Amino acid sequence: MFGRTSGSVAGYHYSAALGNAKLVWDDKTLDQYLQNPNGFVHGTKMFASIPDAQIREQLITYLKTLQAASRWQLMASFVQFLTTKGLGNAQSSCERCSTHR
């Protein structure tokens, strides 16, 4: 994901906002996005924010360890990470969203 342009993975249905943002994912852009997704890219489908800077830093460090994982592996890893940080309702919220049903 690092160095990749937002909205560029074939087969995933990004929001028009994220697809048109043309962000290049690096530590700074990902940190800003995770802190306030809709504030950073108005209209994105991302509904969960991570206000705690230390948790965002840990997540970004973790994401750097992942290689070409499928989007489902990445989502499962993200939900697992949030759950271990006490944000356990992320999984139930994700199960309700139209993208991951």
N, C-alpha and C. Protein backbone atom coordinates (compact mmCIF):
# COMPACT_ATOMS: atom_id res chain seq x y z
N MET A 1 0.81 -1.18 0.00
CA MET A 1 0.00 0.00 0.00
C MET A 1 0.86 1.25 0.00
N PHE A 2 2.02 1.20 0.65
CA PHE A 2 2.87 2.39 0.71
C PHE A 2 3.45 2.68 -0.67
N GLY A 3 3.35 3.93 -1.07
CA GLY A 3 3.80 4.34 -2.39
C GLY A 3 2.74 4.18 -3.46
N ARG A 4 1.63 3.54 -3.13
CA ARG A 4 0.54 3.33 -4.09
C ARG A 4 -0.39 4.54 -4.08
N THR A 5 -1.01 4.82 -5.20
CA THR A 5 -1.97 5.91 -5.31
C THR A 5 -3.33 5.44 -4.81
N SER A 6 -3.99 6.30 -4.06
CA SER A 6 -5.31 5.95 -3.52
C SER A 6 -6.27 5.59 -4.66
N GLY A 7 -7.09 4.60 -4.38
CA GLY A 7 -8.10 4.20 -5.35
C GLY A 7 -7.55 3.47 -6.56
N SER A 8 -6.38 2.83 -6.43
CA SER A 8 -5.74 2.27 -7.61
C SER A 8 -5.74 0.75 -7.69
N VAL A 9 -6.30 0.05 -6.72
CA VAL A 9 -6.30 -1.41 -6.77
C VAL A 9 -7.50 -1.87 -7.60
N ALA A 10 -7.20 -2.59 -8.66
CA ALA A 10 -8.25 -3.08 -9.55
C ALA A 10 -9.18 -4.03 -8.82
N GLY A 11 -10.47 -3.92 -9.10
CA GLY A 11 -11.46 -4.83 -8.55
C GLY A 11 -12.09 -4.38 -7.25
N TYR A 12 -11.56 -3.34 -6.63
CA TYR A 12 -12.16 -2.83 -5.40
C TYR A 12 -12.98 -1.60 -5.76
N HIS A 13 -14.16 -1.49 -5.22
CA HIS A 13 -15.06 -0.39 -5.54
C HIS A 13 -14.86 0.75 -4.55
N TYR A 14 -13.91 1.60 -4.85
CA TYR A 14 -13.62 2.76 -4.01
C TYR A 14 -14.72 3.81 -4.15
N SER A 15 -14.81 4.65 -3.15
CA SER A 15 -15.69 5.80 -3.28
C SER A 15 -15.11 6.70 -4.37
N ALA A 16 -15.96 7.46 -5.01
CA ALA A 16 -15.47 8.40 -6.03
C ALA A 16 -14.48 9.37 -5.40
N ALA A 17 -14.75 9.76 -4.16
CA ALA A 17 -13.88 10.72 -3.47
C ALA A 17 -12.46 10.18 -3.33
N LEU A 18 -12.32 8.94 -2.87
CA LEU A 18 -10.99 8.38 -2.68
C LEU A 18 -10.33 8.08 -4.02
N GLY A 19 -11.11 7.61 -4.95
CA GLY A 19 -10.57 7.34 -6.28
C GLY A 19 -10.05 8.59 -6.97
N ASN A 20 -10.72 9.71 -6.73
CA ASN A 20 -10.31 10.97 -7.36
C ASN A 20 -9.28 11.75 -6.56
N ALA A 21 -9.02 11.33 -5.32
CA ALA A 21 -8.09 12.07 -4.46
C ALA A 21 -6.65 11.98 -4.96
N LYS A 22 -6.30 10.86 -5.56
CA LYS A 22 -4.95 10.64 -6.11
C LYS A 22 -3.86 10.90 -5.07
N LEU A 23 -4.12 10.43 -3.84
CA LEU A 23 -3.12 10.53 -2.78
C LEU A 23 -2.08 9.43 -2.99
N VAL A 24 -0.86 9.70 -2.63
CA VAL A 24 0.15 8.65 -2.59
C VAL A 24 0.31 8.30 -1.12
N TRP A 25 0.05 7.02 -0.80
CA TRP A 25 0.07 6.61 0.60
C TRP A 25 1.48 6.56 1.13
N ASP A 26 1.72 7.35 2.15
CA ASP A 26 2.96 7.31 2.91
C ASP A 26 2.58 7.52 4.38
N ASP A 27 3.56 7.61 5.25
CA ASP A 27 3.26 7.76 6.67
C ASP A 27 2.36 8.97 6.94
N LYS A 28 2.67 10.09 6.31
CA LYS A 28 1.93 11.32 6.59
C LYS A 28 0.49 11.25 6.07
N THR A 29 0.31 10.84 4.82
CA THR A 29 -1.06 10.82 4.28
C THR A 29 -1.91 9.78 4.99
N LEU A 30 -1.33 8.63 5.29
CA LEU A 30 -2.09 7.59 5.98
C LEU A 30 -2.45 8.03 7.39
N ASP A 31 -1.53 8.69 8.08
CA ASP A 31 -1.82 9.19 9.43
C ASP A 31 -2.97 10.19 9.39
N GLN A 32 -2.93 11.11 8.45
CA GLN A 32 -4.00 12.11 8.35
C GLN A 32 -5.33 11.46 8.00
N TYR A 33 -5.30 10.49 7.10
CA TYR A 33 -6.52 9.81 6.68
C TYR A 33 -7.13 9.01 7.84
N LEU A 34 -6.30 8.26 8.55
CA LEU A 34 -6.80 7.44 9.65
C LEU A 34 -7.32 8.29 10.81
N GLN A 35 -6.75 9.46 10.99
CA GLN A 35 -7.19 10.33 12.08
C GLN A 35 -8.61 10.84 11.83
N ASN A 36 -8.91 11.18 10.57
CA ASN A 36 -10.22 11.72 10.24
C ASN A 36 -10.49 11.46 8.76
N PRO A 37 -10.88 10.22 8.40
CA PRO A 37 -11.03 9.87 6.99
C PRO A 37 -11.91 10.83 6.19
N ASN A 38 -13.10 11.12 6.68
CA ASN A 38 -14.01 11.97 5.90
C ASN A 38 -13.58 13.43 5.91
N GLY A 39 -12.86 13.84 6.92
CA GLY A 39 -12.33 15.20 6.95
C GLY A 39 -11.16 15.38 5.99
N PHE A 40 -10.40 14.31 5.79
CA PHE A 40 -9.24 14.35 4.90
C PHE A 40 -9.64 14.14 3.45
N VAL A 41 -10.56 13.22 3.22
CA VAL A 41 -11.09 12.95 1.87
C VAL A 41 -12.61 12.95 2.00
N HIS A 42 -13.19 14.10 1.84
CA HIS A 42 -14.65 14.24 2.00
C HIS A 42 -15.38 13.33 1.02
N GLY A 43 -16.26 12.48 1.58
CA GLY A 43 -17.05 11.58 0.75
C GLY A 43 -16.51 10.16 0.71
N THR A 44 -15.43 9.88 1.45
CA THR A 44 -14.89 8.52 1.47
C THR A 44 -15.86 7.57 2.16
N LYS A 45 -15.75 6.27 1.86
CA LYS A 45 -16.59 5.26 2.51
C LYS A 45 -16.03 4.86 3.87
N MET A 46 -14.79 5.21 4.16
CA MET A 46 -14.16 4.84 5.43
C MET A 46 -14.93 5.49 6.56
N PHE A 47 -15.43 4.68 7.49
CA PHE A 47 -16.29 5.20 8.55
C PHE A 47 -15.61 5.23 9.91
N ALA A 48 -14.50 4.54 10.06
CA ALA A 48 -13.83 4.47 11.36
C ALA A 48 -12.63 5.40 11.38
N SER A 49 -12.54 6.20 12.43
CA SER A 49 -11.36 7.04 12.60
C SER A 49 -10.57 6.51 13.78
N ILE A 50 -9.30 6.85 13.82
CA ILE A 50 -8.43 6.45 14.91
C ILE A 50 -7.82 7.72 15.49
N PRO A 51 -8.46 8.30 16.49
CA PRO A 51 -8.00 9.58 17.03
C PRO A 51 -6.68 9.50 17.81
N ASP A 52 -6.35 8.33 18.34
CA ASP A 52 -5.15 8.17 19.16
C ASP A 52 -3.90 8.07 18.27
N ALA A 53 -3.00 9.04 18.39
CA ALA A 53 -1.80 9.10 17.54
C ALA A 53 -0.91 7.87 17.71
N GLN A 54 -0.81 7.34 18.93
CA GLN A 54 0.04 6.18 19.17
C GLN A 54 -0.54 4.94 18.48
N ILE A 55 -1.83 4.77 18.52
CA ILE A 55 -2.46 3.63 17.83
C ILE A 55 -2.30 3.78 16.32
N ARG A 56 -2.45 4.99 15.79
CA ARG A 56 -2.24 5.20 14.34
C ARG A 56 -0.80 4.84 13.96
N GLU A 57 0.14 5.26 14.78
CA GLU A 57 1.55 4.97 14.49
C GLU A 57 1.79 3.46 14.50
N GLN A 58 1.21 2.75 15.48
CA GLN A 58 1.36 1.30 15.55
C GLN A 58 0.72 0.63 14.34
N LEU A 59 -0.45 1.11 13.93
CA LEU A 59 -1.12 0.54 12.77
C LEU A 59 -0.30 0.77 11.50
N ILE A 60 0.22 1.95 11.33
CA ILE A 60 1.03 2.25 10.14
C ILE A 60 2.27 1.37 10.13
N THR A 61 2.90 1.20 11.28
CA THR A 61 4.07 0.32 11.37
C THR A 61 3.69 -1.11 10.99
N TYR A 62 2.54 -1.57 11.47
CA TYR A 62 2.06 -2.90 11.14
C TYR A 62 1.76 -3.01 9.64
N LEU A 63 1.10 -2.04 9.07
CA LEU A 63 0.76 -2.09 7.64
C LEU A 63 2.02 -2.17 6.78
N LYS A 64 3.09 -1.58 7.23
CA LYS A 64 4.34 -1.64 6.47
C LYS A 64 4.89 -3.05 6.40
N THR A 65 4.51 -3.90 7.35
CA THR A 65 5.00 -5.28 7.35
C THR A 65 4.25 -6.16 6.36
N LEU A 66 3.10 -5.72 5.92
CA LEU A 66 2.29 -6.53 5.01
C LEU A 66 2.79 -6.40 3.58
N GLN A 67 2.88 -7.49 2.92
CA GLN A 67 3.21 -7.47 1.50
C GLN A 67 1.91 -7.51 0.72
N ALA A 68 1.92 -7.94 -0.48
CA ALA A 68 0.75 -7.91 -1.36
C ALA A 68 -0.37 -8.81 -0.84
N ALA A 69 -1.02 -8.39 0.23
CA ALA A 69 -2.14 -9.15 0.79
C ALA A 69 -3.39 -8.82 -0.01
N SER A 70 -4.30 -9.78 -0.05
CA SER A 70 -5.58 -9.49 -0.70
C SER A 70 -6.33 -8.46 0.13
N ARG A 71 -7.28 -7.78 -0.45
CA ARG A 71 -8.03 -6.77 0.29
C ARG A 71 -8.76 -7.39 1.47
N TRP A 72 -9.18 -8.65 1.36
CA TRP A 72 -9.89 -9.30 2.46
C TRP A 72 -8.92 -9.64 3.58
N GLN A 73 -7.70 -10.07 3.24
CA GLN A 73 -6.70 -10.31 4.26
C GLN A 73 -6.35 -9.01 4.97
N LEU A 74 -6.25 -7.94 4.20
CA LEU A 74 -5.93 -6.65 4.78
C LEU A 74 -7.05 -6.17 5.69
N MET A 75 -8.31 -6.32 5.27
CA MET A 75 -9.43 -5.91 6.10
C MET A 75 -9.47 -6.74 7.38
N ALA A 76 -9.27 -8.04 7.25
CA ALA A 76 -9.28 -8.90 8.43
C ALA A 76 -8.16 -8.50 9.39
N SER A 77 -6.99 -8.19 8.86
CA SER A 77 -5.88 -7.75 9.70
C SER A 77 -6.20 -6.44 10.38
N PHE A 78 -6.82 -5.53 9.66
CA PHE A 78 -7.18 -4.23 10.20
C PHE A 78 -8.19 -4.39 11.34
N VAL A 79 -9.21 -5.21 11.13
CA VAL A 79 -10.23 -5.44 12.16
C VAL A 79 -9.58 -6.10 13.38
N GLN A 80 -8.70 -7.06 13.15
CA GLN A 80 -8.03 -7.72 14.27
C GLN A 80 -7.19 -6.72 15.05
N PHE A 81 -6.48 -5.86 14.35
CA PHE A 81 -5.66 -4.83 15.00
C PHE A 81 -6.55 -3.93 15.86
N LEU A 82 -7.65 -3.45 15.30
CA LEU A 82 -8.54 -2.56 16.05
C LEU A 82 -9.11 -3.27 17.28
N THR A 83 -9.43 -4.55 17.13
CA THR A 83 -9.97 -5.31 18.25
C THR A 83 -8.96 -5.41 19.38
N THR A 84 -7.68 -5.64 19.04
CA THR A 84 -6.66 -5.75 20.08
C THR A 84 -6.42 -4.42 20.77
N LYS A 85 -6.81 -3.33 20.15
CA LYS A 85 -6.64 -2.00 20.75
C LYS A 85 -7.89 -1.56 21.48
N GLY A 86 -8.84 -2.47 21.66
CA GLY A 86 -10.05 -2.14 22.41
C GLY A 86 -11.12 -1.46 21.58
N LEU A 87 -10.98 -1.51 20.28
CA LEU A 87 -11.97 -0.90 19.39
C LEU A 87 -12.77 -2.03 18.75
N GLY A 88 -13.23 -2.96 19.57
CA GLY A 88 -13.83 -4.20 19.12
C GLY A 88 -15.09 -4.08 18.31
N ASN A 89 -15.78 -2.95 18.33
CA ASN A 89 -17.01 -2.84 17.56
C ASN A 89 -16.73 -2.63 16.08
N ALA A 90 -15.47 -2.51 15.69
CA ALA A 90 -15.13 -2.31 14.28
C ALA A 90 -15.61 -3.48 13.43
N GLN A 91 -15.48 -4.71 13.95
CA GLN A 91 -15.88 -5.87 13.17
C GLN A 91 -17.38 -5.87 12.94
N SER A 92 -18.16 -5.61 13.97
CA SER A 92 -19.60 -5.63 13.77
C SER A 92 -20.05 -4.50 12.86
N SER A 93 -19.39 -3.36 12.94
CA SER A 93 -19.71 -2.26 12.04
C SER A 93 -19.39 -2.62 10.60
N CYS A 94 -18.23 -3.24 10.39
CA CYS A 94 -17.82 -3.62 9.05
C CYS A 94 -18.78 -4.64 8.46
N GLU A 95 -19.25 -5.56 9.28
CA GLU A 95 -20.16 -6.58 8.78
C GLU A 95 -21.46 -5.97 8.27
N ARG A 96 -21.80 -4.78 8.73
CA ARG A 96 -23.04 -4.13 8.30
C ARG A 96 -22.85 -3.28 7.04
N CYS A 97 -21.61 -2.93 6.71
CA CYS A 97 -21.43 -2.03 5.58
C CYS A 97 -21.67 -2.75 4.26
N SER A 98 -22.08 -2.03 3.26
CA SER A 98 -22.46 -2.63 1.98
C SER A 98 -21.27 -3.22 1.24
N THR A 99 -20.06 -2.75 1.50
CA THR A 99 -18.89 -3.25 0.79
C THR A 99 -18.51 -4.65 1.23
N HIS A 100 -18.71 -4.98 2.50
CA HIS A 100 -18.17 -6.23 3.03
C HIS A 100 -19.23 -7.25 3.43
N ARG A 101 -20.43 -7.14 2.92
CA ARG A 101 -21.46 -8.14 3.22
C ARG A 101 -21.28 -9.34 2.35
